C-alpha cells in the first residue's frame, strides 16, 4: 500500500501564483498598450502551463505517488 503524504504546500502556492500571473499578466499588458502582443501572450501561456505542472506535482505528492 502507498503511504499518503501531505506534500509541500509550496508546489500549490507557486503553481497557483504562476497560473494567475501567466493568464493575468498578458491581459494587463494588452490593456495598458492597447495592442495584441502575441509574444507576451505566448509567454503567459507557457508560464500558466508551468504553474499547472507544479499543481500536478502537488496533487501527486498528496496522493503519495
PDB file of N, CA and C in Angstrom:
ATOM      1  N   UNK A   1       0.843  -1.174   0.000  1.00  0.00           N
ATOM      2  CA  UNK A   1       0.000   0.000   0.000  1.00  0.00           C
ATOM      3  C   UNK A   1       0.892   1.243   0.000  1.00  0.00           C
ATOM      4  N   UNK A   2       0.442   2.291  -0.690  1.00  0.00           N
ATOM      5  CA  UNK A   2       1.223   3.519  -0.797  1.00  0.00           C
ATOM      6  C   UNK A   2       0.893   4.422   0.382  1.00  0.00           C
ATOM      7  N   UNK A   3       1.942   4.944   1.005  1.00  0.00           N
ATOM      8  CA  UNK A   3       1.736   5.842   2.142  1.00  0.00           C
ATOM      9  C   UNK A   3       1.318   7.218   1.641  1.00  0.00           C
ATOM     10  N   UNK A   4       0.335   7.775   2.270  1.00  0.00           N
ATOM     11  CA  UNK A   4      -0.153   9.093   1.864  1.00  0.00           C
ATOM     12  C   UNK A   4       0.627  10.174   2.616  1.00  0.00           C
ATOM     13  N   UNK A   5       1.080  11.189   1.873  1.00  0.00           N
ATOM     14  CA  UNK A   5       1.803  12.302   2.487  1.00  0.00           C
ATOM     15  C   UNK A   5       1.031  13.591   2.243  1.00  0.00           C
ATOM     16  N   UNK A   6       1.374  14.617   2.990  1.00  0.00           N
ATOM     17  CA  UNK A   6       0.717  15.905   2.811  1.00  0.00           C
ATOM     18  C   UNK A   6       1.253  16.646   1.597  1.00  0.00           C
ATOM     19  N   UNK A   7       2.485  16.384   1.209  1.00  0.00           N
ATOM     20  CA  UNK A   7       3.084  17.138   0.110  1.00  0.00           C
ATOM     21  C   UNK A   7       3.461  18.531   0.569  1.00  0.00           C
ATOM     22  N   UNK A   8       4.243  19.190  -0.226  1.00  0.00           N
ATOM     23  CA  UNK A   8       4.672  20.538   0.117  1.00  0.00           C
ATOM     24  C   UNK A   8       3.638  21.550  -0.360  1.00  0.00           C
ATOM     25  N   UNK A   9       3.189  22.431   0.525  1.00  0.00           N
ATOM     26  CA  UNK A   9       2.209  23.428   0.081  1.00  0.00           C
ATOM     27  C   UNK A   9       2.810  24.444  -0.891  1.00  0.00           C
ATOM     28  N   UNK A  10       4.134  24.501  -0.968  1.00  0.00           N
ATOM     29  CA  UNK A  10       4.767  25.475  -1.867  1.00  0.00           C
ATOM     30  C   UNK A  10       4.523  25.131  -3.324  1.00  0.00           C
ATOM     31  N   UNK A  11       4.369  23.853  -3.656  1.00  0.00           N
ATOM     32  CA  UNK A  11       4.021  23.491  -5.032  1.00  0.00           C
ATOM     33  C   UNK A  11       2.674  24.100  -5.403  1.00  0.00           C
ATOM     34  N   UNK A  12       1.715  24.021  -4.492  1.00  0.00           N
ATOM     35  CA  UNK A  12       0.385  24.566  -4.750  1.00  0.00           C
ATOM     36  C   UNK A  12       0.433  26.091  -4.818  1.00  0.00           C
ATOM     37  N   UNK A  13       1.086  26.715  -3.859  1.00  0.00           N
ATOM     38  CA  UNK A  13       1.132  28.182  -3.799  1.00  0.00           C
ATOM     39  C   UNK A  13       1.825  28.742  -5.040  1.00  0.00           C
ATOM     40  N   UNK A  14       2.992  28.207  -5.361  1.00  0.00           N
ATOM     41  CA  UNK A  14       3.734  28.692  -6.522  1.00  0.00           C
ATOM     42  C   UNK A  14       2.999  28.368  -7.820  1.00  0.00           C
ATOM     43  N   UNK A  15       2.371  27.205  -7.882  1.00  0.00           N
ATOM     44  CA  UNK A  15       1.610  26.831  -9.072  1.00  0.00           C
ATOM     45  C   UNK A  15       0.446  27.766  -9.322  1.00  0.00           C
ATOM     46  N   UNK A  16      -0.319  28.062  -8.287  1.00  0.00           N
ATOM     47  CA  UNK A  16      -1.457  28.985  -8.436  1.00  0.00           C
ATOM     48  C   UNK A  16      -0.962  30.374  -8.807  1.00  0.00           C
ATOM     49  N   UNK A  17       0.129  30.809  -8.181  1.00  0.00           N
ATOM     50  CA  UNK A  17       0.697  32.123  -8.495  1.00  0.00           C
ATOM     51  C   UNK A  17       1.130  32.200  -9.960  1.00  0.00           C
ATOM     52  N   UNK A  18       1.777  31.150 -10.454  1.00  0.00           N
ATOM     53  CA  UNK A  18       2.212  31.142 -11.846  1.00  0.00           C
ATOM     54  C   UNK A  18       1.027  31.140 -12.808  1.00  0.00           C
ATOM     55  N   UNK A  19      -0.032  30.414 -12.476  1.00  0.00           N
ATOM     56  CA  UNK A  19      -1.215  30.408 -13.334  1.00  0.00           C
ATOM     57  C   UNK A  19      -1.842  31.800 -13.377  1.00  0.00           C
ATOM     58  N   UNK A  20      -1.957  32.446 -12.227  1.00  0.00           N
ATOM     59  CA  UNK A  20      -2.554  33.782 -12.169  1.00  0.00           C
ATOM     60  C   UNK A  20      -1.711  34.789 -12.947  1.00  0.00           C
ATOM     61  N   UNK A  21      -0.396  34.756 -12.739  1.00  0.00           N
ATOM     62  CA  UNK A  21       0.487  35.685 -13.454  1.00  0.00           C
ATOM     63  C   UNK A  21       0.506  35.371 -14.943  1.00  0.00           C
ATOM     64  N   UNK A  22       0.528  34.089 -15.275  1.00  0.00           N
ATOM     65  CA  UNK A  22       0.579  33.696 -16.682  1.00  0.00           C
ATOM     66  C   UNK A  22      -0.664  34.082 -17.463  1.00  0.00           C
ATOM     67  N   UNK A  23      -1.811  34.043 -16.810  1.00  0.00           N
ATOM     68  CA  UNK A  23      -3.054  34.400 -17.504  1.00  0.00           C
ATOM     69  C   UNK A  23      -3.406  35.874 -17.344  1.00  0.00           C
ATOM     70  N   UNK A  24      -3.090  36.459 -16.207  1.00  0.00           N
ATOM     71  CA  UNK A  24      -3.437  37.865 -15.965  1.00  0.00           C
ATOM     72  C   UNK A  24      -2.427  38.860 -16.488  1.00  0.00           C
ATOM     73  N   UNK A  25      -1.158  38.470 -16.514  1.00  0.00           N
ATOM     74  CA  UNK A  25      -0.109  39.375 -16.976  1.00  0.00           C
ATOM     75  C   UNK A  25      -0.300  39.843 -18.404  1.00  0.00           C
ATOM     76  N   UNK A  26      -0.499  38.939 -19.348  1.00  0.00           N
ATOM     77  CA  UNK A  26      -0.722  39.379 -20.732  1.00  0.00           C
ATOM     78  C   UNK A  26      -1.974  40.238 -20.898  1.00  0.00           C
ATOM     79  N   UNK A  27      -3.005  39.961 -20.116  1.00  0.00           N
ATOM     80  CA  UNK A  27      -4.201  40.800 -20.193  1.00  0.00           C
ATOM     81  C   UNK A  27      -3.901  42.220 -19.729  1.00  0.00           C
ATOM     82  N   UNK A  28      -3.095  42.347 -18.689  1.00  0.00           N
ATOM     83  CA  UNK A  28      -2.711  43.675 -18.201  1.00  0.00           C
ATOM     84  C   UNK A  28      -1.853  44.400 -19.231  1.00  0.00           C
ATOM     85  N   UNK A  29      -0.933  43.690 -19.878  1.00  0.00           N
ATOM     86  CA  UNK A  29      -0.089  44.311 -20.907  1.00  0.00           C
ATOM     87  C   UNK A  29      -0.943  44.748 -22.087  1.00  0.00           C
ATOM     88  N   UNK A  30      -1.883  43.909 -22.507  1.00  0.00           N
ATOM     89  CA  UNK A  30      -2.771  44.271 -23.616  1.00  0.00           C
ATOM     90  C   UNK A  30      -3.618  45.490 -23.269  1.00  0.00           C
ATOM     91  N   UNK A  31      -4.108  45.539 -22.046  1.00  0.00           N
ATOM     92  CA  UNK A  31      -4.931  46.679 -21.640  1.00  0.00           C
ATOM     93  C   UNK A  31      -4.107  47.960 -21.561  1.00  0.00           C
ATOM     94  N   UNK A  32      -2.858  47.839 -21.116  1.00  0.00           N
ATOM     95  CA  UNK A  32      -2.013  49.029 -20.969  1.00  0.00           C
ATOM     96  C   UNK A  32      -1.545  49.568 -22.313  1.00  0.00           C
ATOM     97  N   UNK A  33      -1.228  48.689 -23.252  1.00  0.00           N
ATOM     98  CA  UNK A  33      -0.680  49.134 -24.531  1.00  0.00           C
ATOM     99  C   UNK A  33      -1.744  49.283 -25.601  1.00  0.00           C
ATOM    100  N   UNK A  34      -2.855  48.579 -25.471  1.00  0.00           N
ATOM    101  CA  UNK A  34      -3.901  48.639 -26.474  1.00  0.00           C
ATOM    102  C   UNK A  34      -3.641  47.762 -27.683  1.00  0.00           C
ATOM    103  N   UNK A  35      -2.515  47.085 -27.715  1.00  0.00           N
ATOM    104  CA  UNK A  35      -2.166  46.212 -28.829  1.00  0.00           C
ATOM    105  C   UNK A  35      -2.251  44.756 -28.399  1.00  0.00           C
ATOM    106  N   UNK A  36      -2.431  43.901 -29.376  1.00  0.00           N
ATOM    107  CA  UNK A  36      -2.368  42.468 -29.116  1.00  0.00           C
ATOM    108  C   UNK A  36      -0.914  42.044 -29.274  1.00  0.00           C
ATOM    109  N   UNK A  37      -0.314  41.636 -28.196  1.00  0.00           N
ATOM    110  CA  UNK A  37       1.094  41.256 -28.218  1.00  0.00           C
ATOM    111  C   UNK A  37       1.170  39.728 -28.097  1.00  0.00           C
ATOM    112  N   UNK A  38       1.351  39.085 -29.221  1.00  0.00           N
ATOM    113  CA  UNK A  38       1.290  37.630 -29.261  1.00  0.00           C
ATOM    114  C   UNK A  38       2.447  36.985 -28.523  1.00  0.00           C
ATOM    115  N   UNK A  39       3.611  37.623 -28.541  1.00  0.00           N
ATOM    116  CA  UNK A  39       4.756  37.069 -27.815  1.00  0.00           C
ATOM    117  C   UNK A  39       4.479  37.058 -26.314  1.00  0.00           C
ATOM    118  N   UNK A  40       3.904  38.144 -25.816  1.00  0.00           N
ATOM    119  CA  UNK A  40       3.583  38.226 -24.383  1.00  0.00           C
ATOM    120  C   UNK A  40       2.527  37.185 -24.025  1.00  0.00           C
ATOM    121  N   UNK A  41       1.537  37.026 -24.895  1.00  0.00           N
ATOM    122  CA  UNK A  41       0.504  36.008 -24.629  1.00  0.00           C
ATOM    123  C   UNK A  41       1.094  34.605 -24.646  1.00  0.00           C
ATOM    124  N   UNK A  42       1.992  34.349 -25.596  1.00  0.00           N
ATOM    125  CA  UNK A  42       2.628  33.033 -25.670  1.00  0.00           C
ATOM    126  C   UNK A  42       3.444  32.720 -24.430  1.00  0.00           C
ATOM    127  N   UNK A  43       4.203  33.704 -23.968  1.00  0.00           N
ATOM    128  CA  UNK A  43       4.989  33.508 -22.741  1.00  0.00           C
ATOM    129  C   UNK A  43       4.054  33.302 -21.553  1.00  0.00           C
ATOM    130  N   UNK A  44       2.950  34.048 -21.510  1.00  0.00           N
ATOM    131  CA  UNK A  44       1.975  33.888 -20.431  1.00  0.00           C
ATOM    132  C   UNK A  44       1.371  32.499 -20.407  1.00  0.00           C
ATOM    133  N   UNK A  45       1.072  31.965 -21.580  1.00  0.00           N
ATOM    134  CA  UNK A  45       0.519  30.605 -21.649  1.00  0.00           C
ATOM    135  C   UNK A  45       1.542  29.588 -21.144  1.00  0.00           C
ATOM    136  N   UNK A  46       2.803  29.760 -21.534  1.00  0.00           N
ATOM    137  CA  UNK A  46       3.844  28.833 -21.059  1.00  0.00           C
ATOM    138  C   UNK A  46       4.013  28.912 -19.546  1.00  0.00           C
ATOM    139  N   UNK A  47       3.950  30.121 -18.993  1.00  0.00           N
ATOM    140  CA  UNK A  47       4.059  30.288 -17.534  1.00  0.00           C
ATOM    141  C   UNK A  47       2.871  29.623 -16.842  1.00  0.00           C
ATOM    142  N   UNK A  48       1.674  29.802 -17.408  1.00  0.00           N
ATOM    143  CA  UNK A  48       0.484  29.176 -16.818  1.00  0.00           C
ATOM    144  C   UNK A  48       0.571  27.649 -16.883  1.00  0.00           C
ATOM    145  N   UNK A  49       1.096  27.123 -17.980  1.00  0.00           N
ATOM    146  CA  UNK A  49       1.272  25.668 -18.091  1.00  0.00           C
ATOM    147  C   UNK A  49       2.259  25.180 -17.030  1.00  0.00           C
ATOM    148  N   UNK A  50       3.343  25.936 -16.822  1.00  0.00           N
ATOM    149  CA  UNK A  50       4.301  25.582 -15.767  1.00  0.00           C
ATOM    150  C   UNK A  50       3.640  25.570 -14.396  1.00  0.00           C
ATOM    151  N   UNK A  51       2.761  26.523 -14.148  1.00  0.00           N
ATOM    152  CA  UNK A  51       2.017  26.536 -12.890  1.00  0.00           C
ATOM    153  C   UNK A  51       1.117  25.327 -12.755  1.00  0.00           C
ATOM    154  N   UNK A  52       0.486  24.938 -13.858  1.00  0.00           N
ATOM    155  CA  UNK A  52      -0.349  23.731 -13.834  1.00  0.00           C
ATOM    156  C   UNK A  52       0.454  22.480 -13.547  1.00  0.00           C
ATOM    157  N   UNK A  53       1.664  22.432 -14.066  1.00  0.00           N
ATOM    158  CA  UNK A  53       2.545  21.287 -13.795  1.00  0.00           C
ATOM    159  C   UNK A  53       2.899  21.234 -12.308  1.00  0.00           C
ATOM    160  N   UNK A  54       3.202  22.392 -11.713  1.00  0.00           N
ATOM    161  CA  UNK A  54       3.506  22.406 -10.273  1.00  0.00           C
ATOM    162  C   UNK A  54       2.302  21.977  -9.438  1.00  0.00           C
ATOM    163  N   UNK A  55       1.112  22.414  -9.829  1.00  0.00           N
ATOM    164  CA  UNK A  55      -0.096  21.975  -9.120  1.00  0.00           C
ATOM    165  C   UNK A  55      -0.257  20.466  -9.265  1.00  0.00           C
ATOM    166  N   UNK A  56       0.054  19.927 -10.442  1.00  0.00           N
ATOM    167  CA  UNK A  56       0.002  18.481 -10.649  1.00  0.00           C
ATOM    168  C   UNK A  56       0.980  17.736  -9.765  1.00  0.00           C
ATOM    169  N   UNK A  57       2.192  18.285  -9.607  1.00  0.00           N
ATOM    170  CA  UNK A  57       3.166  17.678  -8.689  1.00  0.00           C
ATOM    171  C   UNK A  57       2.620  17.666  -7.268  1.00  0.00           C
ATOM    172  N   UNK A  58       1.973  18.762  -6.868  1.00  0.00           N
ATOM    173  CA  UNK A  58       1.426  18.852  -5.515  1.00  0.00           C
ATOM    174  C   UNK A  58       0.343  17.789  -5.311  1.00  0.00           C
ATOM    175  N   UNK A  59      -0.528  17.620  -6.314  1.00  0.00           N
ATOM    176  CA  UNK A  59      -1.605  16.630  -6.209  1.00  0.00           C
ATOM    177  C   UNK A  59      -1.017  15.236  -6.101  1.00  0.00           C
ATOM    178  N   UNK A  60      -0.020  14.922  -6.935  1.00  0.00           N
ATOM    179  CA  UNK A  60       0.593  13.582  -6.890  1.00  0.00           C
ATOM    180  C   UNK A  60       1.275  13.315  -5.551  1.00  0.00           C
ATOM    181  N   UNK A  61       1.935  14.334  -4.996  1.00  0.00           N
ATOM    182  CA  UNK A  61       2.597  14.143  -3.700  1.00  0.00           C
ATOM    183  C   UNK A  61       1.590  13.944  -2.590  1.00  0.00           C
ATOM    184  N   UNK A  62       0.445  14.627  -2.682  1.00  0.00           N
ATOM    185  CA  UNK A  62      -0.591  14.440  -1.663  1.00  0.00           C
ATOM    186  C   UNK A  62      -1.162  13.034  -1.721  1.00  0.00           C
ATOM    187  N   UNK A  63      -1.193  12.450  -2.909  1.00  0.00           N
ATOM    188  CA  UNK A  63      -1.713  11.104  -3.044  1.00  0.00           C
ATOM    189  C   UNK A  63      -0.651  10.067  -2.697  1.00  0.00           C
ATOM    190  N   UNK A  64       0.566  10.498  -2.472  1.00  0.00           N
ATOM    191  CA  UNK A  64       1.626   9.579  -2.080  1.00  0.00           C
ATOM    192  C   UNK A  64       2.242   8.812  -3.224  1.00  0.00           C
ATOM    193  N   UNK A  65       2.203   9.342  -4.420  1.00  0.00           N
ATOM    194  CA  UNK A  65       2.761   8.647  -5.587  1.00  0.00           C
ATOM    195  C   UNK A  65       4.062   9.267  -6.006  1.00  0.00           C
TER     196      UNK A  65
END
